[in-house]
Amino acid sequence: MTERPVKVRFRAARVKDDPVPAADIIKGSPKARTFLLYDEDGGRYACGIWHCSPGTFDWTFGVDEFVYFLEGDARIRYEGGRTIRVKGGEAAHFPPGRVRWTITRTVKKVFVARS
């Protein structure tokens, strides 16, 4: 099967509400929005754009994810205690696992997730 290439201008991407489950919110009112550029096999491979406003919430990375933060500032702490801080202009890799996001400045990132 041949796929057609797809592109989007970051600032023109029509992100849609993709709420953080209320039960996972620890502090604040984080509002998440996503633009899915490509999704294969129910999320086994996906890429797109994600925005989230400040707040603290728990999240489970079910697959490996590579990210590039265009804007924002966040601390991501894994259950085992390892914490990384990622901000605009930086890239990171997140292995599967349960984490706690603390976003201090609205995050706008590009992501590629795969299992």
PDB file of N, CA and C in Angstrom:
ATOM      1  N   MET A   1       0.836  -1.167   0.000  1.00  0.00           N
ATOM      2  CA  MET A   1       0.000   0.000   0.000  1.00  0.00           C
ATOM      3  C   MET A   1       0.887   1.239   0.000  1.00  0.00           C
ATOM      4  N   THR A   2       0.607   2.191  -0.843  1.00  0.00           N
ATOM      5  CA  THR A   2       1.367   3.426  -0.924  1.00  0.00           C
ATOM      6  C   THR A   2       0.594   4.539  -0.239  1.00  0.00           C
ATOM      7  N   GLU A   3       1.236   5.188   0.700  1.00  0.00           N
ATOM      8  CA  GLU A   3       0.637   6.317   1.405  1.00  0.00           C
ATOM      9  C   GLU A   3       1.021   7.604   0.696  1.00  0.00           C
ATOM     10  N   ARG A   4       0.126   8.571   0.756  1.00  0.00           N
ATOM     11  CA  ARG A   4       0.425   9.891   0.221  1.00  0.00           C
ATOM     12  C   ARG A   4       1.101  10.721   1.297  1.00  0.00           C
ATOM     13  N   PRO A   5       2.095  11.509   0.942  1.00  0.00           N
ATOM     14  CA  PRO A   5       2.712  12.383   1.939  1.00  0.00           C
ATOM     15  C   PRO A   5       1.698  13.420   2.427  1.00  0.00           C
ATOM     16  N   VAL A   6       1.833  13.792   3.688  1.00  0.00           N
ATOM     17  CA  VAL A   6       0.937  14.764   4.303  1.00  0.00           C
ATOM     18  C   VAL A   6       1.793  15.814   4.996  1.00  0.00           C
ATOM     19  N   LYS A   7       1.366  17.055   4.919  1.00  0.00           N
ATOM     20  CA  LYS A   7       2.083  18.102   5.639  1.00  0.00           C
ATOM     21  C   LYS A   7       1.072  19.062   6.244  1.00  0.00           C
ATOM     22  N   VAL A   8       1.549  19.793   7.239  1.00  0.00           N
ATOM     23  CA  VAL A   8       0.713  20.793   7.884  1.00  0.00           C
ATOM     24  C   VAL A   8       1.626  21.895   8.410  1.00  0.00           C
ATOM     25  N   ARG A   9       1.157  23.106   8.348  1.00  0.00           N
ATOM     26  CA  ARG A   9       1.885  24.212   8.979  1.00  0.00           C
ATOM     27  C   ARG A   9       1.526  24.180  10.455  1.00  0.00           C
ATOM     28  N   PHE A  10       2.543  24.197  11.298  1.00  0.00           N
ATOM     29  CA  PHE A  10       2.308  24.036  12.728  1.00  0.00           C
ATOM     30  C   PHE A  10       1.255  25.014  13.246  1.00  0.00           C
ATOM     31  N   ARG A  11       1.392  26.262  12.931  1.00  0.00           N
ATOM     32  CA  ARG A  11       0.467  27.282  13.446  1.00  0.00           C
ATOM     33  C   ARG A  11      -0.926  27.189  12.822  1.00  0.00           C
ATOM     34  N   ALA A  12      -1.050  26.508  11.698  1.00  0.00           N
ATOM     35  CA  ALA A  12      -2.351  26.379  11.040  1.00  0.00           C
ATOM     36  C   ALA A  12      -3.051  25.061  11.365  1.00  0.00           C
ATOM     37  N   ALA A  13      -2.382  24.165  12.083  1.00  0.00           N
ATOM     38  CA  ALA A  13      -2.975  22.863  12.401  1.00  0.00           C
ATOM     39  C   ALA A  13      -4.230  23.065  13.244  1.00  0.00           C
ATOM     40  N   ARG A  14      -5.280  22.406  12.877  1.00  0.00           N
ATOM     41  CA  ARG A  14      -6.549  22.526  13.606  1.00  0.00           C
ATOM     42  C   ARG A  14      -6.599  21.494  14.721  1.00  0.00           C
ATOM     43  N   VAL A  15      -5.999  21.871  15.846  1.00  0.00           N
ATOM     44  CA  VAL A  15      -5.987  20.973  16.992  1.00  0.00           C
ATOM     45  C   VAL A  15      -7.405  20.855  17.545  1.00  0.00           C
ATOM     46  N   LYS A  16      -7.727  19.653  18.011  1.00  0.00           N
ATOM     47  CA  LYS A  16      -9.056  19.388  18.571  1.00  0.00           C
ATOM     48  C   LYS A  16      -8.920  19.026  20.043  1.00  0.00           C
ATOM     49  N   ASP A  17      -9.961  19.343  20.805  1.00  0.00           N
ATOM     50  CA  ASP A  17      -9.942  18.999  22.227  1.00  0.00           C
ATOM     51  C   ASP A  17      -9.640  17.520  22.412  1.00  0.00           C
ATOM     52  N   ASP A  18      -8.754  17.226  23.343  1.00  0.00           N
ATOM     53  CA  ASP A  18      -8.335  15.868  23.670  1.00  0.00           C
ATOM     54  C   ASP A  18      -8.110  15.844  25.180  1.00  0.00           C
ATOM     55  N   PRO A  19      -9.204  15.908  25.949  1.00  0.00           N
ATOM     56  CA  PRO A  19      -9.096  16.183  27.380  1.00  0.00           C
ATOM     57  C   PRO A  19      -8.295  15.163  28.179  1.00  0.00           C
ATOM     58  N   VAL A  20      -7.581  15.693  29.160  1.00  0.00           N
ATOM     59  CA  VAL A  20      -6.940  14.859  30.170  1.00  0.00           C
ATOM     60  C   VAL A  20      -8.085  14.343  31.044  1.00  0.00           C
ATOM     61  N   PRO A  21      -8.148  13.039  31.307  1.00  0.00           N
ATOM     62  CA  PRO A  21      -9.231  12.534  32.162  1.00  0.00           C
ATOM     63  C   PRO A  21      -9.245  13.248  33.524  1.00  0.00           C
ATOM     64  N   ALA A  22     -10.417  13.687  33.940  1.00  0.00           N
ATOM     65  CA  ALA A  22     -10.556  14.441  35.192  1.00  0.00           C
ATOM     66  C   ALA A  22      -9.944  13.691  36.376  1.00  0.00           C
ATOM     67  N   ALA A  23     -10.061  12.372  36.396  1.00  0.00           N
ATOM     68  CA  ALA A  23      -9.526  11.575  37.510  1.00  0.00           C
ATOM     69  C   ALA A  23      -7.998  11.637  37.576  1.00  0.00           C
ATOM     70  N   ASP A  24      -7.338  12.020  36.475  1.00  0.00           N
ATOM     71  CA  ASP A  24      -5.877  12.074  36.435  1.00  0.00           C
ATOM     72  C   ASP A  24      -5.313  13.456  36.756  1.00  0.00           C
ATOM     73  N   ILE A  25      -6.170  14.466  36.841  1.00  0.00           N
ATOM     74  CA  ILE A  25      -5.701  15.826  37.109  1.00  0.00           C
ATOM     75  C   ILE A  25      -5.424  15.985  38.599  1.00  0.00           C
ATOM     76  N   ILE A  26      -4.214  16.447  38.896  1.00  0.00           N
ATOM     77  CA  ILE A  26      -3.763  16.637  40.271  1.00  0.00           C
ATOM     78  C   ILE A  26      -3.933  18.092  40.687  1.00  0.00           C
ATOM     79  N   LYS A  27      -3.599  19.013  39.780  1.00  0.00           N
ATOM     80  CA  LYS A  27      -3.620  20.439  40.110  1.00  0.00           C
ATOM     81  C   LYS A  27      -3.915  21.245  38.851  1.00  0.00           C
ATOM     82  N   GLY A  28      -4.690  22.300  38.984  1.00  0.00           N
ATOM     83  CA  GLY A  28      -4.990  23.185  37.872  1.00  0.00           C
ATOM     84  C   GLY A  28      -6.072  22.622  36.971  1.00  0.00           C
ATOM     85  N   SER A  29      -6.138  23.190  35.774  1.00  0.00           N
ATOM     86  CA  SER A  29      -7.133  22.777  34.784  1.00  0.00           C
ATOM     87  C   SER A  29      -6.463  22.624  33.423  1.00  0.00           C
ATOM     88  N   PRO A  30      -5.551  21.658  33.291  1.00  0.00           N
ATOM     89  CA  PRO A  30      -4.860  21.515  32.004  1.00  0.00           C
ATOM     90  C   PRO A  30      -5.841  21.188  30.878  1.00  0.00           C
ATOM     91  N   LYS A  31      -5.691  21.896  29.779  1.00  0.00           N
ATOM     92  CA  LYS A  31      -6.520  21.678  28.595  1.00  0.00           C
ATOM     93  C   LYS A  31      -5.622  21.165  27.479  1.00  0.00           C
ATOM     94  N   ALA A  32      -5.857  19.925  27.056  1.00  0.00           N
ATOM     95  CA  ALA A  32      -5.043  19.314  26.006  1.00  0.00           C
ATOM     96  C   ALA A  32      -5.795  19.337  24.684  1.00  0.00           C
ATOM     97  N   ARG A  33      -5.028  19.522  23.604  1.00  0.00           N
ATOM     98  CA  ARG A  33      -5.581  19.524  22.250  1.00  0.00           C
ATOM     99  C   ARG A  33      -4.588  18.819  21.336  1.00  0.00           C
ATOM    100  N   THR A  34      -5.110  18.090  20.349  1.00  0.00           N
ATOM    101  CA  THR A  34      -4.258  17.286  19.473  1.00  0.00           C
ATOM    102  C   THR A  34      -4.644  17.474  18.012  1.00  0.00           C
ATOM    103  N   PHE A  35      -3.635  17.436  17.163  1.00  0.00           N
ATOM    104  CA  PHE A  35      -3.830  17.324  15.718  1.00  0.00           C
ATOM    105  C   PHE A  35      -3.102  16.047  15.314  1.00  0.00           C
ATOM    106  N   LEU A  36      -3.840  15.057  14.864  1.00  0.00           N
ATOM    107  CA  LEU A  36      -3.252  13.782  14.473  1.00  0.00           C
ATOM    108  C   LEU A  36      -2.924  13.840  12.986  1.00  0.00           C
ATOM    109  N   LEU A  37      -1.650  13.852  12.678  1.00  0.00           N
ATOM    110  CA  LEU A  37      -1.192  13.914  11.300  1.00  0.00           C
ATOM    111  C   LEU A  37      -1.299  12.545  10.638  1.00  0.00           C
ATOM    112  N   TYR A  38      -0.986  11.492  11.421  1.00  0.00           N
ATOM    113  CA  TYR A  38      -1.039  10.145  10.876  1.00  0.00           C
ATOM    114  C   TYR A  38      -1.248   9.168  12.026  1.00  0.00           C
ATOM    115  N   ASP A  39      -2.061   8.157  11.797  1.00  0.00           N
ATOM    116  CA  ASP A  39      -2.314   7.117  12.797  1.00  0.00           C
ATOM    117  C   ASP A  39      -2.438   5.797  12.059  1.00  0.00           C
ATOM    118  N   GLU A  40      -1.689   4.815  12.515  1.00  0.00           N
ATOM    119  CA  GLU A  40      -1.725   3.491  11.898  1.00  0.00           C
ATOM    120  C   GLU A  40      -1.993   2.446  12.967  1.00  0.00           C
ATOM    121  N   ASP A  41      -2.858   1.542  12.664  1.00  0.00           N
ATOM    122  CA  ASP A  41      -3.113   0.391  13.520  1.00  0.00           C
ATOM    123  C   ASP A  41      -3.504   0.800  14.939  1.00  0.00           C
ATOM    124  N   GLY A  42      -4.458   1.731  15.033  1.00  0.00           N
ATOM    125  CA  GLY A  42      -4.995   2.124  16.340  1.00  0.00           C
ATOM    126  C   GLY A  42      -3.995   2.743  17.288  1.00  0.00           C
ATOM    127  N   GLY A  43      -3.038   3.488  16.766  1.00  0.00           N
ATOM    128  CA  GLY A  43      -2.075   4.172  17.616  1.00  0.00           C
ATOM    129  C   GLY A  43      -0.748   3.453  17.795  1.00  0.00           C
ATOM    130  N   ARG A  44      -0.575   2.290  17.136  1.00  0.00           N
ATOM    131  CA  ARG A  44       0.716   1.597  17.245  1.00  0.00           C
ATOM    132  C   ARG A  44       1.820   2.446  16.626  1.00  0.00           C
ATOM    133  N   TYR A  45       1.444   3.274  15.680  1.00  0.00           N
ATOM    134  CA  TYR A  45       2.338   4.290  15.143  1.00  0.00           C
ATOM    135  C   TYR A  45       1.481   5.520  14.895  1.00  0.00           C
ATOM    136  N   ALA A  46       1.886   6.631  15.450  1.00  0.00           N
ATOM    137  CA  ALA A  46       1.122   7.865  15.269  1.00  0.00           C
ATOM    138  C   ALA A  46       2.072   9.046  15.340  1.00  0.00           C
ATOM    139  N   CYS A  47       1.694  10.121  14.687  1.00  0.00           N
ATOM    140  CA  CYS A  47       2.459  11.355  14.787  1.00  0.00           C
ATOM    141  C   CYS A  47       1.498  12.528  14.671  1.00  0.00           C
ATOM    142  N   GLY A  48       1.898  13.632  15.263  1.00  0.00           N
ATOM    143  CA  GLY A  48       1.033  14.796  15.226  1.00  0.00           C
ATOM    144  C   GLY A  48       1.550  15.912  16.099  1.00  0.00           C
ATOM    145  N   ILE A  49       0.620  16.764  16.505  1.00  0.00           N
ATOM    146  CA  ILE A  49       0.912  17.955  17.289  1.00  0.00           C
ATOM    147  C   ILE A  49       0.045  17.896  18.549  1.00  0.00           C
ATOM    148  N   TRP A  50       0.614  18.282  19.685  1.00  0.00           N
ATOM    149  CA  TRP A  50      -0.115  18.272  20.951  1.00  0.00           C
ATOM    150  C   TRP A  50       0.154  19.574  21.675  1.00  0.00           C
ATOM    151  N   HIS A  51      -0.907  20.182  22.188  1.00  0.00           N
ATOM    152  CA  HIS A  51      -0.813  21.383  23.015  1.00  0.00           C
ATOM    153  C   HIS A  51      -1.398  21.045  24.370  1.00  0.00           C
ATOM    154  N   CYS A  52      -0.862  21.632  25.432  1.00  0.00           N
ATOM    155  CA  CYS A  52      -1.481  21.484  26.749  1.00  0.00           C
ATOM    156  C   CYS A  52      -1.140  22.698  27.597  1.00  0.00           C
ATOM    157  N   SER A  53      -2.163  23.242  28.251  1.00  0.00           N
ATOM    158  CA  SER A  53      -1.991  24.394  29.131  1.00  0.00           C
ATOM    159  C   SER A  53      -1.467  23.932  30.500  1.00  0.00           C
ATOM    160  N   PRO A  54      -1.031  24.874  31.335  1.00  0.00           N
ATOM    161  CA  PRO A  54      -0.439  24.517  32.628  1.00  0.00           C
ATOM    162  C   PRO A  54      -1.360  23.705  33.540  1.00  0.00           C
ATOM    163  N   GLY A  55      -0.700  22.848  34.323  1.00  0.00           N
ATOM    164  CA  GLY A  55      -1.383  22.009  35.293  1.00  0.00           C
ATOM    165  C   GLY A  55      -0.522  20.795  35.597  1.00  0.00           C
ATOM    166  N   THR A  56      -0.995  19.979  36.512  1.00  0.00           N
ATOM    167  CA  THR A  56      -0.300  18.748  36.899  1.00  0.00           C
ATOM    168  C   THR A  56      -1.268  17.594  36.747  1.00  0.00           C
ATOM    169  N   PHE A  57      -0.816  16.524  36.088  1.00  0.00           N
ATOM    170  CA  PHE A  57      -1.690  15.369  35.862  1.00  0.00           C
ATOM    171  C   PHE A  57      -0.856  14.113  35.656  1.00  0.00           C
ATOM    172  N   ASP A  58      -1.487  12.981  35.928  1.00  0.00           N
ATOM    173  CA  ASP A  58      -0.859  11.688  35.680  1.00  0.00           C
ATOM    174  C   ASP A  58      -1.187  11.238  34.263  1.00  0.00           C
ATOM    175  N   TRP A  59      -0.252  10.487  33.689  1.00  0.00           N
ATOM    176  CA  TRP A  59      -0.393  10.040  32.304  1.00  0.00           C
ATOM    177  C   TRP A  59       0.344   8.722  32.142  1.00  0.00           C
ATOM    178  N   THR A  60      -0.150   7.871  31.274  1.00  0.00           N
ATOM    179  CA  THR A  60       0.568   6.634  30.967  1.00  0.00           C
ATOM    180  C   THR A  60       1.008   6.655  29.515  1.00  0.00           C
ATOM    181  N   PHE A  61       2.321   6.571  29.303  1.00  0.00           N
ATOM    182  CA  PHE A  61       2.842   6.379  27.958  1.00  0.00           C
ATOM    183  C   PHE A  61       2.725   4.885  27.683  1.00  0.00           C
ATOM    184  N   GLY A  62       1.809   4.501  26.806  1.00  0.00           N
ATOM    185  CA  GLY A  62       1.621   3.089  26.477  1.00  0.00           C
ATOM    186  C   GLY A  62       2.591   2.606  25.421  1.00  0.00           C
ATOM    187  N   VAL A  63       3.227   3.554  24.731  1.00  0.00           N
ATOM    188  CA  VAL A  63       4.185   3.247  23.665  1.00  0.00           C
ATOM    189  C   VAL A  63       5.368   4.198  23.805  1.00  0.00           C
ATOM    190  N   ASP A  64       6.456   3.910  23.079  1.00  0.00           N
ATOM    191  CA  ASP A  64       7.580   4.841  23.019  1.00  0.00           C
ATOM    192  C   ASP A  64       7.128   6.107  22.320  1.00  0.00           C
ATOM    193  N   GLU A  65       7.618   7.256  22.805  1.00  0.00           N
ATOM    194  CA  GLU A  65       7.267   8.510  22.145  1.00  0.00           C
ATOM    195  C   GLU A  65       8.485   9.422  22.061  1.00  0.00           C
ATOM    196  N   PHE A  66       8.728   9.938  20.863  1.00  0.00           N
ATOM    197  CA  PHE A  66       9.738  10.970  20.639  1.00  0.00           C
ATOM    198  C   PHE A  66       8.991  12.285  20.525  1.00  0.00           C
ATOM    199  N   VAL A  67       9.504  13.338  21.180  1.00  0.00           N
ATOM    200  CA  VAL A  67       8.853  14.645  21.112  1.00  0.00           C
ATOM    201  C   VAL A  67       9.863  15.734  20.810  1.00  0.00           C
ATOM    202  N   TYR A  68       9.367  16.782  20.201  1.00  0.00           N
ATOM    203  CA  TYR A  68      10.135  18.017  20.047  1.00  0.00           C
ATOM    204  C   TYR A  68       9.236  19.139  20.528  1.00  0.00           C
ATOM    205  N   PHE A  69       9.660  19.813  21.599  1.00  0.00           N
ATOM    206  CA  PHE A  69       8.885  20.929  22.144  1.00  0.00           C
ATOM    207  C   PHE A  69       9.194  22.184  21.336  1.00  0.00           C
ATOM    208  N   LEU A  70       8.186  22.733  20.713  1.00  0.00           N
ATOM    209  CA  LEU A  70       8.353  24.014  20.036  1.00  0.00           C
ATOM    210  C   LEU A  70       8.259  25.156  21.039  1.00  0.00           C
ATOM    211  N   GLU A  71       7.378  24.990  22.027  1.00  0.00           N
ATOM    212  CA  GLU A  71       7.165  26.002  23.055  1.00  0.00           C
ATOM    213  C   GLU A  71       6.861  25.298  24.366  1.00  0.00           C
ATOM    214  N   GLY A  72       7.027  26.029  25.456  1.00  0.00           N
ATOM    215  CA  GLY A  72       6.566  25.547  26.739  1.00  0.00           C
ATOM    216  C   GLY A  72       7.662  25.053  27.657  1.00  0.00           C
ATOM    217  N   ASP A  73       7.210  24.573  28.813  1.00  0.00           N
ATOM    218  CA  ASP A  73       8.111  24.115  29.850  1.00  0.00           C
ATOM    219  C   ASP A  73       7.360  23.091  30.690  1.00  0.00           C
ATOM    220  N   ALA A  74       7.946  21.907  30.867  1.00  0.00           N
ATOM    221  CA  ALA A  74       7.287  20.853  31.640  1.00  0.00           C
ATOM    222  C   ALA A  74       8.319  19.985  32.344  1.00  0.00           C
ATOM    223  N   ARG A  75       7.903  19.448  33.488  1.00  0.00           N
ATOM    224  CA  ARG A  75       8.671  18.420  34.184  1.00  0.00           C
ATOM    225  C   ARG A  75       7.859  17.137  34.084  1.00  0.00           C
ATOM    226  N   ILE A  76       8.522  16.054  33.752  1.00  0.00           N
ATOM    227  CA  ILE A  76       7.865  14.755  33.613  1.00  0.00           C
ATOM    228  C   ILE A  76       8.583  13.798  34.564  1.00  0.00           C
ATOM    229  N   ARG A  77       7.834  13.268  35.538  1.00  0.00           N
ATOM    230  CA  ARG A  77       8.418  12.383  36.551  1.00  0.00           C
ATOM    231  C   ARG A  77       7.833  10.986  36.406  1.00  0.00           C
ATOM    232  N   TYR A  78       8.721   9.994  36.210  1.00  0.00           N
ATOM    233  CA  TYR A  78       8.302   8.593  36.138  1.00  0.00           C
ATOM    234  C   TYR A  78       8.063   8.054  37.535  1.00  0.00           C
ATOM    235  N   GLU A  79       7.225   7.016  37.640  1.00  0.00           N
ATOM    236  CA  GLU A  79       6.908   6.420  38.938  1.00  0.00           C
ATOM    237  C   GLU A  79       8.159   6.041  39.719  1.00  0.00           C
ATOM    238  N   GLY A  80       9.212   5.627  39.054  1.00  0.00           N
ATOM    239  CA  GLY A  80      10.452   5.255  39.721  1.00  0.00           C
ATOM    240  C   GLY A  80      11.220   6.436  40.274  1.00  0.00           C
ATOM    241  N   GLY A  81      10.773   7.659  39.987  1.00  0.00           N
ATOM    242  CA  GLY A  81      11.404   8.847  40.537  1.00  0.00           C
ATOM    243  C   GLY A  81      12.215   9.668  39.568  1.00  0.00           C
ATOM    244  N   ARG A  82      12.598   9.095  38.425  1.00  0.00           N
ATOM    245  CA  ARG A  82      13.392   9.869  37.458  1.00  0.00           C
ATOM    246  C   ARG A  82      12.555  11.003  36.889  1.00  0.00           C
ATOM    247  N   THR A  83      13.108  12.201  36.901  1.00  0.00           N
ATOM    248  CA  THR A  83      12.411  13.382  36.405  1.00  0.00           C
ATOM    249  C   THR A  83      13.258  14.049  35.339  1.00  0.00           C
ATOM    250  N   ILE A  84      12.604  14.467  34.265  1.00  0.00           N
ATOM    251  CA  ILE A  84      13.293  15.282  33.265  1.00  0.00           C
ATOM    252  C   ILE A  84      12.483  16.548  33.044  1.00  0.00           C
ATOM    253  N   ARG A  85      13.174  17.602  32.697  1.00  0.00           N
ATOM    254  CA  ARG A  85      12.534  18.874  32.352  1.00  0.00           C
ATOM    255  C   ARG A  85      12.760  19.078  30.864  1.00  0.00           C
ATOM    256  N   VAL A  86      11.691  19.418  30.167  1.00  0.00           N
ATOM    257  CA  VAL A  86      11.784  19.672  28.728  1.00  0.00           C
ATOM    258  C   VAL A  86      11.164  21.030  28.471  1.00  0.00           C
ATOM    259  N   LYS A  87      11.827  21.829  27.629  1.00  0.00           N
ATOM    260  CA  LYS A  87      11.296  23.156  27.288  1.00  0.00           C
ATOM    261  C   LYS A  87      11.449  23.406  25.803  1.00  0.00           C
ATOM    262  N   GLY A  88      10.853  24.500  25.347  1.00  0.00           N
ATOM    263  CA  GLY A  88      10.885  24.845  23.934  1.00  0.00           C
ATOM    264  C   GLY A  88      12.285  24.751  23.354  1.00  0.00           C
ATOM    265  N   GLY A  89      12.393  24.118  22.178  1.00  0.00           N
ATOM    266  CA  GLY A  89      13.677  23.958  21.511  1.00  0.00           C
ATOM    267  C   GLY A  89      14.397  22.675  21.877  1.00  0.00           C
ATOM    268  N   GLU A  90      13.773  21.843  22.737  1.00  0.00           N
ATOM    269  CA  GLU A  90      14.417  20.604  23.158  1.00  0.00           C
ATOM    270  C   GLU A  90      13.610  19.387  22.701  1.00  0.00           C
ATOM    271  N   ALA A  91      14.315  18.281  22.506  1.00  0.00           N
ATOM    272  CA  ALA A  91      13.697  17.012  22.124  1.00  0.00           C
ATOM    273  C   ALA A  91      13.881  16.028  23.268  1.00  0.00           C
ATOM    274  N   ALA A  92      12.998  15.033  23.320  1.00  0.00           N
ATOM    275  CA  ALA A  92      13.100  14.008  24.361  1.00  0.00           C
ATOM    276  C   ALA A  92      12.480  12.711  23.855  1.00  0.00           C
ATOM    277  N   HIS A  93      12.844  11.632  24.529  1.00  0.00           N
ATOM    278  CA  HIS A  93      12.238  10.316  24.265  1.00  0.00           C
ATOM    279  C   HIS A  93      11.615   9.841  25.563  1.00  0.00           C
ATOM    280  N   PHE A  94      10.372   9.351  25.488  1.00  0.00           N
ATOM    281  CA  PHE A  94       9.680   8.809  26.649  1.00  0.00           C
ATOM    282  C   PHE A  94       9.399   7.338  26.408  1.00  0.00           C
ATOM    283  N   PRO A  95       9.982   6.448  27.219  1.00  0.00           N
ATOM    284  CA  PRO A  95       9.634   5.026  27.120  1.00  0.00           C
ATOM    285  C   PRO A  95       8.271   4.802  27.772  1.00  0.00           C
ATOM    286  N   PRO A  96       7.646   3.661  27.511  1.00  0.00           N
ATOM    287  CA  PRO A  96       6.356   3.378  28.149  1.00  0.00           C
ATOM    288  C   PRO A  96       6.476   3.455  29.678  1.00  0.00           C
ATOM    289  N   GLY A  97       5.417   3.925  30.310  1.00  0.00           N
ATOM    290  CA  GLY A  97       5.388   3.987  31.769  1.00  0.00           C
ATOM    291  C   GLY A  97       4.447   5.046  32.270  1.00  0.00           C
ATOM    292  N   ARG A  98       4.189   5.004  33.566  1.00  0.00           N
ATOM    293  CA  ARG A  98       3.302   5.958  34.231  1.00  0.00           C
ATOM    294  C   ARG A  98       4.122   7.156  34.671  1.00  0.00           C
ATOM    295  N   VAL A  99       3.641   8.365  34.358  1.00  0.00           N
ATOM    296  CA  VAL A  99       4.370   9.593  34.666  1.00  0.00           C
ATOM    297  C   VAL A  99       3.427  10.631  35.264  1.00  0.00           C
ATOM    298  N   ARG A 100       4.044  11.654  35.828  1.00  0.00           N
ATOM    299  CA  ARG A 100       3.297  12.825  36.271  1.00  0.00           C
ATOM    300  C   ARG A 100       3.852  14.033  35.526  1.00  0.00           C
ATOM    301  N   TRP A 101       2.991  14.676  34.744  1.00  0.00           N
ATOM    302  CA  TRP A 101       3.337  15.902  34.034  1.00  0.00           C
ATOM    303  C   TRP A 101       3.076  17.092  34.945  1.00  0.00           C
ATOM    304  N   THR A 102       4.021  18.017  35.001  1.00  0.00           N
ATOM    305  CA  THR A 102       3.798  19.323  35.620  1.00  0.00           C
ATOM    306  C   THR A 102       4.177  20.350  34.565  1.00  0.00           C
ATOM    307  N   ILE A 103       3.168  20.966  33.994  1.00  0.00           N
ATOM    308  CA  ILE A 103       3.378  21.952  32.928  1.00  0.00           C
ATOM    309  C   ILE A 103       3.279  23.345  33.547  1.00  0.00           C
ATOM    310  N   THR A 104       4.350  24.125  33.392  1.00  0.00           N
ATOM    311  CA  THR A 104       4.372  25.469  33.966  1.00  0.00           C
ATOM    312  C   THR A 104       4.131  26.551  32.920  1.00  0.00           C
ATOM    313  N   ARG A 105       4.412  26.233  31.664  1.00  0.00           N
ATOM    314  CA  ARG A 105       4.139  27.131  30.530  1.00  0.00           C
ATOM    315  C   ARG A 105       3.565  26.278  29.421  1.00  0.00           C
ATOM    316  N   THR A 106       2.499  26.727  28.782  1.00  0.00           N
ATOM    317  CA  THR A 106       1.801  25.935  27.773  1.00  0.00           C
ATOM    318  C   THR A 106       2.773  25.238  26.833  1.00  0.00           C
ATOM    319  N   VAL A 107       2.586  23.930  26.707  1.00  0.00           N
ATOM    320  CA  VAL A 107       3.428  23.091  25.862  1.00  0.00           C
ATOM    321  C   VAL A 107       2.796  22.975  24.476  1.00  0.00           C
ATOM    322  N   LYS A 108       3.634  23.128  23.468  1.00  0.00           N
ATOM    323  CA  LYS A 108       3.264  22.840  22.083  1.00  0.00           C
ATOM    324  C   LYS A 108       4.385  21.957  21.554  1.00  0.00           C
ATOM    325  N   LYS A 109       4.012  20.713  21.225  1.00  0.00           N
ATOM    326  CA  LYS A 109       5.046  19.753  20.821  1.00  0.00           C
ATOM    327  C   LYS A 109       4.613  18.985  19.580  1.00  0.00           C
ATOM    328  N   VAL A 110       5.610  18.473  18.884  1.00  0.00           N
ATOM    329  CA  VAL A 110       5.426  17.539  17.793  1.00  0.00           C
ATOM    330  C   VAL A 110       5.807  16.180  18.365  1.00  0.00           C
ATOM    331  N   PHE A 111       5.010  15.147  18.060  1.00  0.00           N
ATOM    332  CA  PHE A 111       5.295  13.824  18.616  1.00  0.00           C
ATOM    333  C   PHE A 111       5.255  12.743  17.548  1.00  0.00           C
ATOM    334  N   VAL A 112       6.023  11.691  17.807  1.00  0.00           N
ATOM    335  CA  VAL A 112       5.985  10.452  17.031  1.00  0.00           C
ATOM    336  C   VAL A 112       5.952   9.327  18.056  1.00  0.00           C
ATOM    337  N   ALA A 113       4.907   8.527  18.017  1.00  0.00           N
ATOM    338  CA  ALA A 113       4.739   7.433  18.972  1.00  0.00           C
ATOM    339  C   ALA A 113       4.701   6.104  18.215  1.00  0.00           C
ATOM    340  N   ARG A 114       5.329   5.076  18.815  1.00  0.00           N
ATOM    341  CA  ARG A 114       5.325   3.769  18.167  1.00  0.00           C
ATOM    342  C   ARG A 114       5.441   2.667  19.215  1.00  0.00           C
ATOM    343  N   SER A 115       4.871   1.526  18.872  1.00  0.00           N
ATOM    344  CA  SER A 115       5.026   0.383  19.773  1.00  0.00           C
ATOM    345  C   SER A 115       5.785  -0.711  19.049  1.00  0.00           C
TER     346      SER A 115
END
